[in-house]
């Protein structure tokens, strides 16, 4: 049964991410989907800060760096597959490092490149509802 949450601001989306993080135990793969600007990175700020891996302000979109690692030892990986166009691009990410030790991996644009993983997966879809409102669906 999908779980659906409506948030009305980026602050609410971040706060929900902090609450959601309490459910997460490594290893787990969080697969985020949603159009540009639906709040994938905003949600990730809440998840990463809720896990104690980094401050919200230190969590940024990995659109150009492709992968960010937060926490010591590395406990949260945040990757963006938006610019990945083929398997070679995907291989250059070094994603295999993510799976070398149990951690939490958050993938934005996960629908662009399906990833086979032995880890449990949680799919989270974000949608615009107009203005600053978002629908977050946990599948």
Protein backbone atom coordinates (compact mmCIF):
# COMPACT_ATOMS: atom_id res chain seq x y z
CA UNK A 1 0.00 0.00 0.00
CA UNK A 2 1.62 3.29 -1.07
CA UNK A 3 2.05 6.02 1.52
CA UNK A 4 1.22 9.55 0.37
CA UNK A 5 2.28 12.82 1.96
CA UNK A 6 1.49 16.37 0.85
CA UNK A 7 3.96 19.10 1.77
CA UNK A 8 3.36 22.83 1.25
CA UNK A 9 6.92 24.22 1.41
CA UNK A 10 10.53 23.18 0.98
CA UNK A 11 10.84 23.32 4.78
CA UNK A 12 8.01 20.78 5.15
CA UNK A 13 9.62 18.54 2.51
CA UNK A 14 12.95 18.68 4.36
CA UNK A 15 11.22 18.03 7.71
CA UNK A 16 9.44 14.99 6.26
CA UNK A 17 12.81 13.73 4.97
CA UNK A 18 14.20 13.95 8.52
CA UNK A 19 11.25 11.90 9.81
CA UNK A 20 11.56 9.41 6.94
CA UNK A 21 15.27 8.92 7.73
CA UNK A 22 14.35 7.36 11.09
CA UNK A 23 13.01 4.32 9.20
CA UNK A 24 16.23 3.72 7.27
CA UNK A 25 18.76 1.07 8.24
CA UNK A 26 21.77 0.28 6.04
CA UNK A 27 21.95 -1.23 3.56
CA UNK A 28 19.13 0.42 1.64
CA UNK A 29 18.70 2.04 -1.75
CA UNK A 30 16.34 5.05 -1.96
CA UNK A 31 15.15 5.54 -5.55
CA UNK A 32 13.84 9.08 -6.13
CA UNK A 33 11.76 9.93 -9.18
CA UNK A 34 10.07 13.15 -10.21
CA UNK A 35 10.27 15.97 -12.72
CA UNK A 36 12.80 18.80 -12.46
CA UNK A 37 12.09 20.98 -9.46
CA UNK A 38 9.87 18.55 -7.57
CA UNK A 39 12.14 18.53 -4.51
CA UNK A 40 14.37 15.47 -4.83
CA UNK A 41 17.43 17.28 -3.46
CA UNK A 42 15.30 19.12 -0.87
CA UNK A 43 14.01 15.78 0.39
CA UNK A 44 17.57 14.40 0.40
CA UNK A 45 18.70 17.33 2.60
CA UNK A 46 16.21 16.15 5.22
CA UNK A 47 17.19 12.49 4.92
CA UNK A 48 20.95 13.14 5.12
CA UNK A 49 20.63 15.59 8.04
CA UNK A 50 18.19 13.26 9.80
CA UNK A 51 20.78 10.50 9.58
CA UNK A 52 23.38 12.82 11.09
CA UNK A 53 25.67 12.50 8.06
CA UNK A 54 25.77 16.23 7.18
CA UNK A 55 24.06 19.53 7.88
CA UNK A 56 21.18 20.42 5.56
CA UNK A 57 23.16 23.36 4.14
CA UNK A 58 26.00 21.02 3.17
CA UNK A 59 23.75 18.78 1.04
CA UNK A 60 23.69 19.94 -2.57
CA UNK A 61 22.56 18.51 -5.87
CA UNK A 62 25.13 16.15 -7.40
CA UNK A 63 23.97 17.02 -10.94
CA UNK A 64 27.47 17.91 -12.10
CA UNK A 65 29.65 15.95 -9.67
CA UNK A 66 27.25 12.99 -10.06
CA UNK A 67 27.98 11.47 -6.62
CA UNK A 68 28.31 13.06 -3.18
CA UNK A 69 29.35 11.11 -0.10
CA UNK A 70 28.27 12.25 3.37
CA UNK A 71 29.30 11.03 6.80
CA UNK A 72 32.40 9.50 8.35
CA UNK A 73 32.77 6.64 7.76
CA UNK A 74 30.91 7.00 4.48
CA UNK A 75 27.33 6.19 5.30
CA UNK A 76 25.20 8.11 2.83
CA UNK A 77 25.76 8.26 -0.93
CA UNK A 78 23.76 10.75 -3.00
CA UNK A 79 23.89 10.25 -6.77
CA UNK A 80 22.18 11.96 -9.69
CA UNK A 81 21.60 9.93 -12.84
CA UNK A 82 20.08 12.79 -14.85
CA UNK A 83 23.15 13.21 -17.06
CA UNK A 84 23.84 9.49 -17.48
CA UNK A 85 23.20 8.51 -21.09
CA UNK A 86 24.73 5.07 -21.42
CA UNK A 87 26.27 2.20 -19.49
CA UNK A 88 29.80 3.57 -19.94
CA UNK A 89 28.78 6.85 -18.26
CA UNK A 90 27.20 4.83 -15.49
CA UNK A 91 30.35 2.73 -14.98
CA UNK A 92 32.48 5.88 -14.54
CA UNK A 93 30.44 6.83 -11.46
CA UNK A 94 32.18 4.18 -9.37
CA UNK A 95 28.83 3.00 -8.08
CA UNK A 96 30.34 -0.37 -7.16
CA UNK A 97 32.06 1.43 -4.26
CA UNK A 98 28.66 2.23 -2.85
CA UNK A 99 27.83 -1.45 -2.51
CA UNK A 100 31.17 -2.45 -0.95
CA UNK A 101 29.91 -1.75 2.59
CA UNK A 102 26.37 -1.49 3.93
CA UNK A 103 25.28 2.12 3.59
CA UNK A 104 22.36 4.24 2.50
CA UNK A 105 22.33 5.25 -1.15
CA UNK A 106 19.95 7.89 -2.50
CA UNK A 107 19.60 8.00 -6.29
CA UNK A 108 17.92 10.93 -8.05
CA UNK A 109 16.47 10.22 -11.51
CA UNK A 110 16.66 6.51 -10.70
CA UNK A 111 14.25 5.70 -13.54
CA UNK A 112 16.89 6.77 -16.09
CA UNK A 113 19.13 3.85 -15.34
CA UNK A 114 17.70 0.82 -13.53
CA UNK A 115 20.24 -0.48 -11.07
CA UNK A 116 20.41 -4.09 -9.98
CA UNK A 117 21.16 -4.26 -6.30
CA UNK A 118 20.88 -6.94 -3.64
CA UNK A 119 19.88 -4.22 -1.17
CA UNK A 120 16.30 -3.46 -0.17
CA UNK A 121 14.86 -0.65 -2.29
CA UNK A 122 12.40 2.09 -1.39
CA UNK A 123 10.86 4.04 -4.27
CA UNK A 124 9.85 7.62 -3.59
CA UNK A 125 7.99 9.65 -6.23
CA UNK A 126 7.71 13.45 -5.97
CA UNK A 127 5.13 15.48 -7.92
CA UNK A 128 4.29 19.19 -8.32
CA UNK A 129 0.84 20.12 -7.01
CA UNK A 130 1.10 23.82 -7.82
CA UNK A 131 2.99 26.54 -5.96
CA UNK A 132 5.25 25.07 -3.31
CA UNK A 133 3.05 22.02 -2.70
CA UNK A 134 4.37 18.55 -3.44
CA UNK A 135 2.96 15.05 -3.31
CA UNK A 136 5.48 12.53 -1.96
CA UNK A 137 4.54 8.91 -2.54
CA UNK A 138 6.47 6.07 -0.92
CA UNK A 139 5.94 2.94 -3.00
